[in-house]
Amino acid sequence: MEITLPKSILQSMLADAAEIGANIALTKAGLLGATISKSQAYRMYKRGKVDKWIRDGVLEVHKDVGASSSKWRIDRAQIEAIAKSDNRPAYELVRTNK
């Protein structure tokens, strides 16, 4: 089976992959935190989407243990990948084939 993508979608997917890879490298180098708080995720990706991803079991949330004020933490690479792949290619394919 062969899948054909419009050039614009392929470019967008490659740019997204490069951005995620760069952020992973920055995290490994200690220049970017490996996790973000749930409130940061809400600001970056909107509360409704984040809650939907959590509810659907796509996004894992972990609670800090032992801290005086326990916060919910989300893996930065995971949420970035989810946000980048949130049905955009499927939507683009449907839109371009009309």
PDB file of N, CA and C in Angstrom:
ATOM      1  N   MET A   1       0.839  -1.177   0.000  1.00  0.00           N
ATOM      2  CA  MET A   1       0.000   0.000   0.000  1.00  0.00           C
ATOM      3  C   MET A   1       0.886   1.242   0.000  1.00  0.00           C
ATOM      4  N   GLU A   2       0.586   2.134  -0.883  1.00  0.00           N
ATOM      5  CA  GLU A   2       1.348   3.376  -0.992  1.00  0.00           C
ATOM      6  C   GLU A   2       0.489   4.535  -0.489  1.00  0.00           C
ATOM      7  N   ILE A   3       1.097   5.382   0.310  1.00  0.00           N
ATOM      8  CA  ILE A   3       0.405   6.566   0.825  1.00  0.00           C
ATOM      9  C   ILE A   3       1.071   7.794   0.220  1.00  0.00           C
ATOM     10  N   THR A   4       0.269   8.638  -0.368  1.00  0.00           N
ATOM     11  CA  THR A   4       0.775   9.854  -0.980  1.00  0.00           C
ATOM     12  C   THR A   4       0.324  11.048  -0.149  1.00  0.00           C
ATOM     13  N   LEU A   5       1.275  11.886   0.204  1.00  0.00           N
ATOM     14  CA  LEU A   5       0.978  13.088   0.975  1.00  0.00           C
ATOM     15  C   LEU A   5       1.294  14.319   0.143  1.00  0.00           C
ATOM     16  N   PRO A   6       0.480  15.341   0.270  1.00  0.00           N
ATOM     17  CA  PRO A   6       0.832  16.604  -0.374  1.00  0.00           C
ATOM     18  C   PRO A   6       2.145  17.139   0.216  1.00  0.00           C
ATOM     19  N   LYS A   7       2.896  17.839  -0.602  1.00  0.00           N
ATOM     20  CA  LYS A   7       4.190  18.356  -0.188  1.00  0.00           C
ATOM     21  C   LYS A   7       4.082  19.218   1.072  1.00  0.00           C
ATOM     22  N   SER A   8       3.047  20.031   1.184  1.00  0.00           N
ATOM     23  CA  SER A   8       2.894  20.916   2.342  1.00  0.00           C
ATOM     24  C   SER A   8       2.728  20.141   3.639  1.00  0.00           C
ATOM     25  N   ILE A   9       2.007  19.021   3.576  1.00  0.00           N
ATOM     26  CA  ILE A   9       1.824  18.202   4.787  1.00  0.00           C
ATOM     27  C   ILE A   9       3.130  17.529   5.167  1.00  0.00           C
ATOM     28  N   LEU A  10       3.841  17.007   4.190  1.00  0.00           N
ATOM     29  CA  LEU A  10       5.128  16.369   4.464  1.00  0.00           C
ATOM     30  C   LEU A  10       6.108  17.373   5.063  1.00  0.00           C
ATOM     31  N   GLN A  11       6.160  18.579   4.520  1.00  0.00           N
ATOM     32  CA  GLN A  11       7.040  19.618   5.068  1.00  0.00           C
ATOM     33  C   GLN A  11       6.668  19.938   6.512  1.00  0.00           C
ATOM     34  N   SER A  12       5.390  20.051   6.776  1.00  0.00           N
ATOM     35  CA  SER A  12       4.924  20.353   8.123  1.00  0.00           C
ATOM     36  C   SER A  12       5.282  19.237   9.101  1.00  0.00           C
ATOM     37  N   MET A  13       5.106  18.001   8.674  1.00  0.00           N
ATOM     38  CA  MET A  13       5.430  16.858   9.527  1.00  0.00           C
ATOM     39  C   MET A  13       6.927  16.806   9.831  1.00  0.00           C
ATOM     40  N   LEU A  14       7.751  17.079   8.821  1.00  0.00           N
ATOM     41  CA  LEU A  14       9.200  17.071   9.035  1.00  0.00           C
ATOM     42  C   LEU A  14       9.640  18.205   9.949  1.00  0.00           C
ATOM     43  N   ALA A  15       9.030  19.380   9.799  1.00  0.00           N
ATOM     44  CA  ALA A  15       9.351  20.507  10.675  1.00  0.00           C
ATOM     45  C   ALA A  15       8.949  20.192  12.115  1.00  0.00           C
ATOM     46  N   ASP A  16       7.793  19.573  12.293  1.00  0.00           N
ATOM     47  CA  ASP A  16       7.349  19.188  13.634  1.00  0.00           C
ATOM     48  C   ASP A  16       8.306  18.183  14.255  1.00  0.00           C
ATOM     49  N   ALA A  17       8.728  17.189  13.469  1.00  0.00           N
ATOM     50  CA  ALA A  17       9.660  16.173  13.969  1.00  0.00           C
ATOM     51  C   ALA A  17      10.995  16.800  14.358  1.00  0.00           C
ATOM     52  N   ALA A  18      11.466  17.740  13.563  1.00  0.00           N
ATOM     53  CA  ALA A  18      12.731  18.421  13.875  1.00  0.00           C
ATOM     54  C   ALA A  18      12.608  19.225  15.169  1.00  0.00           C
ATOM     55  N   GLU A  19      11.481  19.913  15.341  1.00  0.00           N
ATOM     56  CA  GLU A  19      11.265  20.705  16.554  1.00  0.00           C
ATOM     57  C   GLU A  19      11.211  19.809  17.792  1.00  0.00           C
ATOM     58  N   ILE A  20      10.504  18.692  17.698  1.00  0.00           N
ATOM     59  CA  ILE A  20      10.429  17.762  18.827  1.00  0.00           C
ATOM     60  C   ILE A  20      11.821  17.197  19.123  1.00  0.00           C
ATOM     61  N   GLY A  21      12.559  16.838  18.084  1.00  0.00           N
ATOM     62  CA  GLY A  21      13.923  16.321  18.274  1.00  0.00           C
ATOM     63  C   GLY A  21      14.839  17.340  18.928  1.00  0.00           C
ATOM     64  N   ALA A  22      14.724  18.604  18.518  1.00  0.00           N
ATOM     65  CA  ALA A  22      15.543  19.659  19.119  1.00  0.00           C
ATOM     66  C   ALA A  22      15.204  19.828  20.598  1.00  0.00           C
ATOM     67  N   ASN A  23      13.925  19.777  20.920  1.00  0.00           N
ATOM     68  CA  ASN A  23      13.518  19.911  22.319  1.00  0.00           C
ATOM     69  C   ASN A  23      13.989  18.734  23.162  1.00  0.00           C
ATOM     70  N   ILE A  24      13.984  17.540  22.588  1.00  0.00           N
ATOM     71  CA  ILE A  24      14.510  16.373  23.304  1.00  0.00           C
ATOM     72  C   ILE A  24      16.007  16.552  23.561  1.00  0.00           C
ATOM     73  N   ALA A  25      16.742  17.047  22.565  1.00  0.00           N
ATOM     74  CA  ALA A  25      18.180  17.283  22.734  1.00  0.00           C
ATOM     75  C   ALA A  25      18.431  18.350  23.809  1.00  0.00           C
ATOM     76  N   LEU A  26      17.641  19.409  23.808  1.00  0.00           N
ATOM     77  CA  LEU A  26      17.786  20.457  24.830  1.00  0.00           C
ATOM     78  C   LEU A  26      17.467  19.910  26.222  1.00  0.00           C
ATOM     79  N   THR A  27      16.499  19.028  26.302  1.00  0.00           N
ATOM     80  CA  THR A  27      16.156  18.413  27.584  1.00  0.00           C
ATOM     81  C   THR A  27      17.307  17.542  28.074  1.00  0.00           C
ATOM     82  N   LYS A  28      17.850  16.728  27.186  1.00  0.00           N
ATOM     83  CA  LYS A  28      18.969  15.855  27.564  1.00  0.00           C
ATOM     84  C   LYS A  28      20.202  16.653  27.970  1.00  0.00           C
ATOM     85  N   ALA A  29      20.368  17.834  27.384  1.00  0.00           N
ATOM     86  CA  ALA A  29      21.505  18.690  27.725  1.00  0.00           C
ATOM     87  C   ALA A  29      21.247  19.486  29.014  1.00  0.00           C
ATOM     88  N   GLY A  30      20.047  19.367  29.551  1.00  0.00           N
ATOM     89  CA  GLY A  30      19.715  20.074  30.782  1.00  0.00           C
ATOM     90  C   GLY A  30      19.335  21.533  30.577  1.00  0.00           C
ATOM     91  N   LEU A  31      19.076  21.913  29.347  1.00  0.00           N
ATOM     92  CA  LEU A  31      18.737  23.299  29.047  1.00  0.00           C
ATOM     93  C   LEU A  31      17.230  23.537  29.005  1.00  0.00           C
ATOM     94  N   LEU A  32      16.471  22.456  29.060  1.00  0.00           N
ATOM     95  CA  LEU A  32      15.010  22.540  29.021  1.00  0.00           C
ATOM     96  C   LEU A  32      14.488  21.467  29.958  1.00  0.00           C
ATOM     97  N   GLY A  33      13.497  21.811  30.769  1.00  0.00           N
ATOM     98  CA  GLY A  33      12.952  20.852  31.717  1.00  0.00           C
ATOM     99  C   GLY A  33      12.286  19.679  31.019  1.00  0.00           C
ATOM    100  N   ALA A  34      12.411  18.499  31.596  1.00  0.00           N
ATOM    101  CA  ALA A  34      11.818  17.297  31.013  1.00  0.00           C
ATOM    102  C   ALA A  34      10.312  17.259  31.200  1.00  0.00           C
ATOM    103  N   THR A  35       9.814  17.985  32.186  1.00  0.00           N
ATOM    104  CA  THR A  35       8.376  17.992  32.440  1.00  0.00           C
ATOM    105  C   THR A  35       7.860  19.423  32.508  1.00  0.00           C
ATOM    106  N   ILE A  36       6.541  19.542  32.351  1.00  0.00           N
ATOM    107  CA  ILE A  36       5.873  20.823  32.553  1.00  0.00           C
ATOM    108  C   ILE A  36       4.717  20.580  33.517  1.00  0.00           C
ATOM    109  N   SER A  37       4.296  21.632  34.186  1.00  0.00           N
ATOM    110  CA  SER A  37       3.163  21.490  35.098  1.00  0.00           C
ATOM    111  C   SER A  37       1.869  21.409  34.301  1.00  0.00           C
ATOM    112  N   LYS A  38       0.847  20.928  34.966  1.00  0.00           N
ATOM    113  CA  LYS A  38      -0.450  20.832  34.311  1.00  0.00           C
ATOM    114  C   LYS A  38      -0.961  22.219  33.931  1.00  0.00           C
ATOM    115  N   SER A  39      -0.715  23.211  34.782  1.00  0.00           N
ATOM    116  CA  SER A  39      -1.160  24.577  34.463  1.00  0.00           C
ATOM    117  C   SER A  39      -0.398  25.145  33.269  1.00  0.00           C
ATOM    118  N   GLN A  40       0.887  24.807  33.134  1.00  0.00           N
ATOM    119  CA  GLN A  40       1.644  25.223  31.949  1.00  0.00           C
ATOM    120  C   GLN A  40       1.054  24.578  30.695  1.00  0.00           C
ATOM    121  N   ALA A  41       0.707  23.304  30.801  1.00  0.00           N
ATOM    122  CA  ALA A  41       0.117  22.596  29.669  1.00  0.00           C
ATOM    123  C   ALA A  41      -1.195  23.255  29.260  1.00  0.00           C
ATOM    124  N   TYR A  42      -1.992  23.660  30.254  1.00  0.00           N
ATOM    125  CA  TYR A  42      -3.249  24.350  29.956  1.00  0.00           C
ATOM    126  C   TYR A  42      -2.987  25.647  29.200  1.00  0.00           C
ATOM    127  N   ARG A  43      -1.982  26.396  29.622  1.00  0.00           N
ATOM    128  CA  ARG A  43      -1.681  27.664  28.949  1.00  0.00           C
ATOM    129  C   ARG A  43      -1.166  27.438  27.528  1.00  0.00           C
ATOM    130  N   MET A  44      -0.370  26.406  27.342  1.00  0.00           N
ATOM    131  CA  MET A  44       0.251  26.160  26.043  1.00  0.00           C
ATOM    132  C   MET A  44      -0.713  25.535  25.030  1.00  0.00           C
ATOM    133  N   TYR A  45      -1.574  24.632  25.511  1.00  0.00           N
ATOM    134  CA  TYR A  45      -2.380  23.833  24.579  1.00  0.00           C
ATOM    135  C   TYR A  45      -3.886  23.936  24.814  1.00  0.00           C
ATOM    136  N   LYS A  46      -4.307  24.761  25.745  1.00  0.00           N
ATOM    137  CA  LYS A  46      -5.722  24.962  26.098  1.00  0.00           C
ATOM    138  C   LYS A  46      -6.239  23.818  26.977  1.00  0.00           C
ATOM    139  N   ARG A  47      -6.942  24.197  27.994  1.00  0.00           N
ATOM    140  CA  ARG A  47      -7.441  23.273  29.007  1.00  0.00           C
ATOM    141  C   ARG A  47      -8.287  22.133  28.409  1.00  0.00           C
ATOM    142  N   GLY A  48      -9.194  22.473  27.502  1.00  0.00           N
ATOM    143  CA  GLY A  48     -10.079  21.463  26.927  1.00  0.00           C
ATOM    144  C   GLY A  48      -9.333  20.340  26.234  1.00  0.00           C
ATOM    145  N   LYS A  49      -8.308  20.704  25.451  1.00  0.00           N
ATOM    146  CA  LYS A  49      -7.527  19.692  24.734  1.00  0.00           C
ATOM    147  C   LYS A  49      -6.739  18.819  25.702  1.00  0.00           C
ATOM    148  N   VAL A  50      -6.071  19.463  26.672  1.00  0.00           N
ATOM    149  CA  VAL A  50      -5.253  18.706  27.630  1.00  0.00           C
ATOM    150  C   VAL A  50      -6.136  17.736  28.407  1.00  0.00           C
ATOM    151  N   ASP A  51      -7.268  18.211  28.903  1.00  0.00           N
ATOM    152  CA  ASP A  51      -8.181  17.338  29.649  1.00  0.00           C
ATOM    153  C   ASP A  51      -8.699  16.198  28.778  1.00  0.00           C
ATOM    154  N   LYS A  52      -8.955  16.464  27.504  1.00  0.00           N
ATOM    155  CA  LYS A  52      -9.417  15.413  26.586  1.00  0.00           C
ATOM    156  C   LYS A  52      -8.333  14.362  26.395  1.00  0.00           C
ATOM    157  N   TRP A  53      -7.096  14.802  26.191  1.00  0.00           N
ATOM    158  CA  TRP A  53      -5.994  13.854  26.012  1.00  0.00           C
ATOM    159  C   TRP A  53      -5.818  12.986  27.254  1.00  0.00           C
ATOM    160  N   ILE A  54      -5.961  13.591  28.441  1.00  0.00           N
ATOM    161  CA  ILE A  54      -5.842  12.836  29.695  1.00  0.00           C
ATOM    162  C   ILE A  54      -7.004  11.850  29.805  1.00  0.00           C
ATOM    163  N   ARG A  55      -8.212  12.327  29.572  1.00  0.00           N
ATOM    164  CA  ARG A  55      -9.418  11.499  29.667  1.00  0.00           C
ATOM    165  C   ARG A  55      -9.368  10.326  28.685  1.00  0.00           C
ATOM    166  N   ASP A  56      -8.854  10.574  27.481  1.00  0.00           N
ATOM    167  CA  ASP A  56      -8.758   9.526  26.460  1.00  0.00           C
ATOM    168  C   ASP A  56      -7.603   8.552  26.719  1.00  0.00           C
ATOM    169  N   GLY A  57      -6.771   8.844  27.721  1.00  0.00           N
ATOM    170  CA  GLY A  57      -5.649   7.968  28.049  1.00  0.00           C
ATOM    171  C   GLY A  57      -4.449   8.136  27.139  1.00  0.00           C
ATOM    172  N   VAL A  58      -4.429   9.202  26.372  1.00  0.00           N
ATOM    173  CA  VAL A  58      -3.332   9.467  25.445  1.00  0.00           C
ATOM    174  C   VAL A  58      -2.170  10.147  26.170  1.00  0.00           C
ATOM    175  N   LEU A  59      -2.499  10.982  27.142  1.00  0.00           N
ATOM    176  CA  LEU A  59      -1.508  11.763  27.878  1.00  0.00           C
ATOM    177  C   LEU A  59      -1.452  11.296  29.325  1.00  0.00           C
ATOM    178  N   GLU A  60      -0.242  10.999  29.791  1.00  0.00           N
ATOM    179  CA  GLU A  60      -0.047  10.569  31.178  1.00  0.00           C
ATOM    180  C   GLU A  60       0.312  11.775  32.038  1.00  0.00           C
ATOM    181  N   VAL A  61      -0.283  11.819  33.226  1.00  0.00           N
ATOM    182  CA  VAL A  61       0.003  12.887  34.182  1.00  0.00           C
ATOM    183  C   VAL A  61       0.492  12.229  35.459  1.00  0.00           C
ATOM    184  N   HIS A  62       1.583  12.767  36.022  1.00  0.00           N
ATOM    185  CA  HIS A  62       2.170  12.198  37.234  1.00  0.00           C
ATOM    186  C   HIS A  62       2.182  13.246  38.334  1.00  0.00           C
ATOM    187  N   LYS A  63       1.885  12.822  39.537  1.00  0.00           N
ATOM    188  CA  LYS A  63       1.867  13.738  40.671  1.00  0.00           C
ATOM    189  C   LYS A  63       3.198  13.647  41.405  1.00  0.00           C
ATOM    190  N   ASP A  64       3.771  14.831  41.724  1.00  0.00           N
ATOM    191  CA  ASP A  64       4.994  14.872  42.519  1.00  0.00           C
ATOM    192  C   ASP A  64       4.716  14.257  43.884  1.00  0.00           C
ATOM    193  N   VAL A  65       5.639  13.451  44.357  1.00  0.00           N
ATOM    194  CA  VAL A  65       5.478  12.816  45.657  1.00  0.00           C
ATOM    195  C   VAL A  65       6.480  13.425  46.630  1.00  0.00           C
ATOM    196  N   GLY A  66       6.016  13.725  47.814  1.00  0.00           N
ATOM    197  CA  GLY A  66       6.908  14.206  48.856  1.00  0.00           C
ATOM    198  C   GLY A  66       7.122  15.703  48.881  1.00  0.00           C
ATOM    199  N   ALA A  67       6.689  16.392  47.875  1.00  0.00           N
ATOM    200  CA  ALA A  67       6.846  17.852  47.851  1.00  0.00           C
ATOM    201  C   ALA A  67       5.800  18.480  48.765  1.00  0.00           C
ATOM    202  N   SER A  68       6.122  19.646  49.308  1.00  0.00           N
ATOM    203  CA  SER A  68       5.175  20.311  50.201  1.00  0.00           C
ATOM    204  C   SER A  68       3.893  20.692  49.470  1.00  0.00           C
ATOM    205  N   SER A  69       4.019  21.074  48.222  1.00  0.00           N
ATOM    206  CA  SER A  69       2.832  21.349  47.407  1.00  0.00           C
ATOM    207  C   SER A  69       2.907  20.471  46.165  1.00  0.00           C
ATOM    208  N   SER A  70       2.230  19.352  46.215  1.00  0.00           N
ATOM    209  CA  SER A  70       2.290  18.391  45.114  1.00  0.00           C
ATOM    210  C   SER A  70       1.706  18.994  43.846  1.00  0.00           C
ATOM    211  N   LYS A  71       2.455  18.873  42.767  1.00  0.00           N
ATOM    212  CA  LYS A  71       2.015  19.371  41.468  1.00  0.00           C
ATOM    213  C   LYS A  71       1.863  18.209  40.512  1.00  0.00           C
ATOM    214  N   TRP A  72       1.001  18.407  39.537  1.00  0.00           N
ATOM    215  CA  TRP A  72       0.845  17.441  38.470  1.00  0.00           C
ATOM    216  C   TRP A  72       1.874  17.755  37.381  1.00  0.00           C
ATOM    217  N   ARG A  73       2.612  16.752  36.945  1.00  0.00           N
ATOM    218  CA  ARG A  73       3.665  16.922  35.946  1.00  0.00           C
ATOM    219  C   ARG A  73       3.343  16.129  34.683  1.00  0.00           C
ATOM    220  N   ILE A  74       3.721  16.713  33.571  1.00  0.00           N
ATOM    221  CA  ILE A  74       3.494  16.099  32.273  1.00  0.00           C
ATOM    222  C   ILE A  74       4.819  16.065  31.524  1.00  0.00           C
ATOM    223  N   ASP A  75       5.109  14.933  30.902  1.00  0.00           N
ATOM    224  CA  ASP A  75       6.328  14.786  30.117  1.00  0.00           C
ATOM    225  C   ASP A  75       6.266  15.727  28.911  1.00  0.00           C
ATOM    226  N   ARG A  76       7.256  16.603  28.806  1.00  0.00           N
ATOM    227  CA  ARG A  76       7.274  17.610  27.744  1.00  0.00           C
ATOM    228  C   ARG A  76       7.260  16.974  26.347  1.00  0.00           C
ATOM    229  N   ALA A  77       8.097  15.979  26.115  1.00  0.00           N
ATOM    230  CA  ALA A  77       8.182  15.355  24.791  1.00  0.00           C
ATOM    231  C   ALA A  77       6.861  14.676  24.419  1.00  0.00           C
ATOM    232  N   GLN A  78       6.223  14.056  25.409  1.00  0.00           N
ATOM    233  CA  GLN A  78       4.965  13.368  25.129  1.00  0.00           C
ATOM    234  C   GLN A  78       3.876  14.352  24.713  1.00  0.00           C
ATOM    235  N   ILE A  79       3.707  15.424  25.466  1.00  0.00           N
ATOM    236  CA  ILE A  79       2.625  16.358  25.138  1.00  0.00           C
ATOM    237  C   ILE A  79       2.917  17.110  23.832  1.00  0.00           C
ATOM    238  N   GLU A  80       4.190  17.397  23.562  1.00  0.00           N
ATOM    239  CA  GLU A  80       4.520  18.049  22.296  1.00  0.00           C
ATOM    240  C   GLU A  80       4.185  17.143  21.119  1.00  0.00           C
ATOM    241  N   ALA A  81       4.510  15.855  21.241  1.00  0.00           N
ATOM    242  CA  ALA A  81       4.214  14.906  20.162  1.00  0.00           C
ATOM    243  C   ALA A  81       2.709  14.761  19.967  1.00  0.00           C
ATOM    244  N   ILE A  82       1.968  14.708  21.073  1.00  0.00           N
ATOM    245  CA  ILE A  82       0.512  14.592  20.977  1.00  0.00           C
ATOM    246  C   ILE A  82      -0.072  15.835  20.308  1.00  0.00           C
ATOM    247  N   ALA A  83       0.393  16.997  20.733  1.00  0.00           N
ATOM    248  CA  ALA A  83      -0.124  18.250  20.172  1.00  0.00           C
ATOM    249  C   ALA A  83       0.184  18.345  18.680  1.00  0.00           C
ATOM    250  N   LYS A  84       1.368  17.943  18.290  1.00  0.00           N
ATOM    251  CA  LYS A  84       1.751  18.020  16.874  1.00  0.00           C
ATOM    252  C   LYS A  84       0.960  17.046  16.008  1.00  0.00           C
ATOM    253  N   SER A  85       0.560  15.916  16.591  1.00  0.00           N
ATOM    254  CA  SER A  85      -0.122  14.893  15.797  1.00  0.00           C
ATOM    255  C   SER A  85      -1.632  14.891  15.995  1.00  0.00           C
ATOM    256  N   ASP A  86      -2.160  15.868  16.656  1.00  0.00           N
ATOM    257  CA  ASP A  86      -3.581  15.905  17.017  1.00  0.00           C
ATOM    258  C   ASP A  86      -4.484  16.009  15.786  1.00  0.00           C
ATOM    259  N   ASN A  87      -4.516  14.921  15.003  1.00  0.00           N
ATOM    260  CA  ASN A  87      -5.397  14.789  13.833  1.00  0.00           C
ATOM    261  C   ASN A  87      -5.152  15.803  12.722  1.00  0.00           C
ATOM    262  N   ARG A  88      -4.095  16.580  12.808  1.00  0.00           N
ATOM    263  CA  ARG A  88      -3.859  17.567  11.760  1.00  0.00           C
ATOM    264  C   ARG A  88      -3.643  16.948  10.391  1.00  0.00           C
ATOM    265  N   PRO A  89      -2.790  15.930  10.245  1.00  0.00           N
ATOM    266  CA  PRO A  89      -2.615  15.357   8.903  1.00  0.00           C
ATOM    267  C   PRO A  89      -3.915  14.788   8.342  1.00  0.00           C
ATOM    268  N   ALA A  90      -4.711  14.114   9.178  1.00  0.00           N
ATOM    269  CA  ALA A  90      -5.981  13.563   8.700  1.00  0.00           C
ATOM    270  C   ALA A  90      -6.899  14.684   8.244  1.00  0.00           C
ATOM    271  N   TYR A  91      -6.951  15.752   9.020  1.00  0.00           N
ATOM    272  CA  TYR A  91      -7.786  16.895   8.654  1.00  0.00           C
ATOM    273  C   TYR A  91      -7.293  17.522   7.358  1.00  0.00           C
ATOM    274  N   GLU A  92      -5.991  17.688   7.235  1.00  0.00           N
ATOM    275  CA  GLU A  92      -5.424  18.290   6.028  1.00  0.00           C
ATOM    276  C   GLU A  92      -5.729  17.428   4.797  1.00  0.00           C
ATOM    277  N   LEU A  93      -5.640  16.108   4.927  1.00  0.00           N
ATOM    278  CA  LEU A  93      -5.909  15.233   3.797  1.00  0.00           C
ATOM    279  C   LEU A  93      -7.369  15.337   3.362  1.00  0.00           C
ATOM    280  N   VAL A  94      -8.261  15.371   4.323  1.00  0.00           N
ATOM    281  CA  VAL A  94      -9.678  15.498   3.998  1.00  0.00           C
ATOM    282  C   VAL A  94      -9.933  16.827   3.316  1.00  0.00           C
ATOM    283  N   ARG A  95      -9.326  17.887   3.847  1.00  0.00           N
ATOM    284  CA  ARG A  95      -9.549  19.220   3.296  1.00  0.00           C
ATOM    285  C   ARG A  95      -8.994  19.346   1.884  1.00  0.00           C
ATOM    286  N   THR A  96      -7.822  18.775   1.625  1.00  0.00           N
ATOM    287  CA  THR A  96      -7.195  18.924   0.303  1.00  0.00           C
ATOM    288  C   THR A  96      -7.837  18.026  -0.746  1.00  0.00           C
ATOM    289  N   ASN A  97      -8.525  16.968  -0.319  1.00  0.00           N
ATOM    290  CA  ASN A  97      -9.149  16.063  -1.273  1.00  0.00           C
ATOM    291  C   ASN A  97     -10.570  16.479  -1.645  1.00  0.00           C
ATOM    292  N   LYS A  98     -11.068  17.581  -1.150  1.00  0.00           N
ATOM    293  CA  LYS A  98     -12.422  18.040  -1.484  1.00  0.00           C
ATOM    294  C   LYS A  98     -12.443  18.751  -2.813  1.00  0.00           C
TER     295      LYS A  98
END
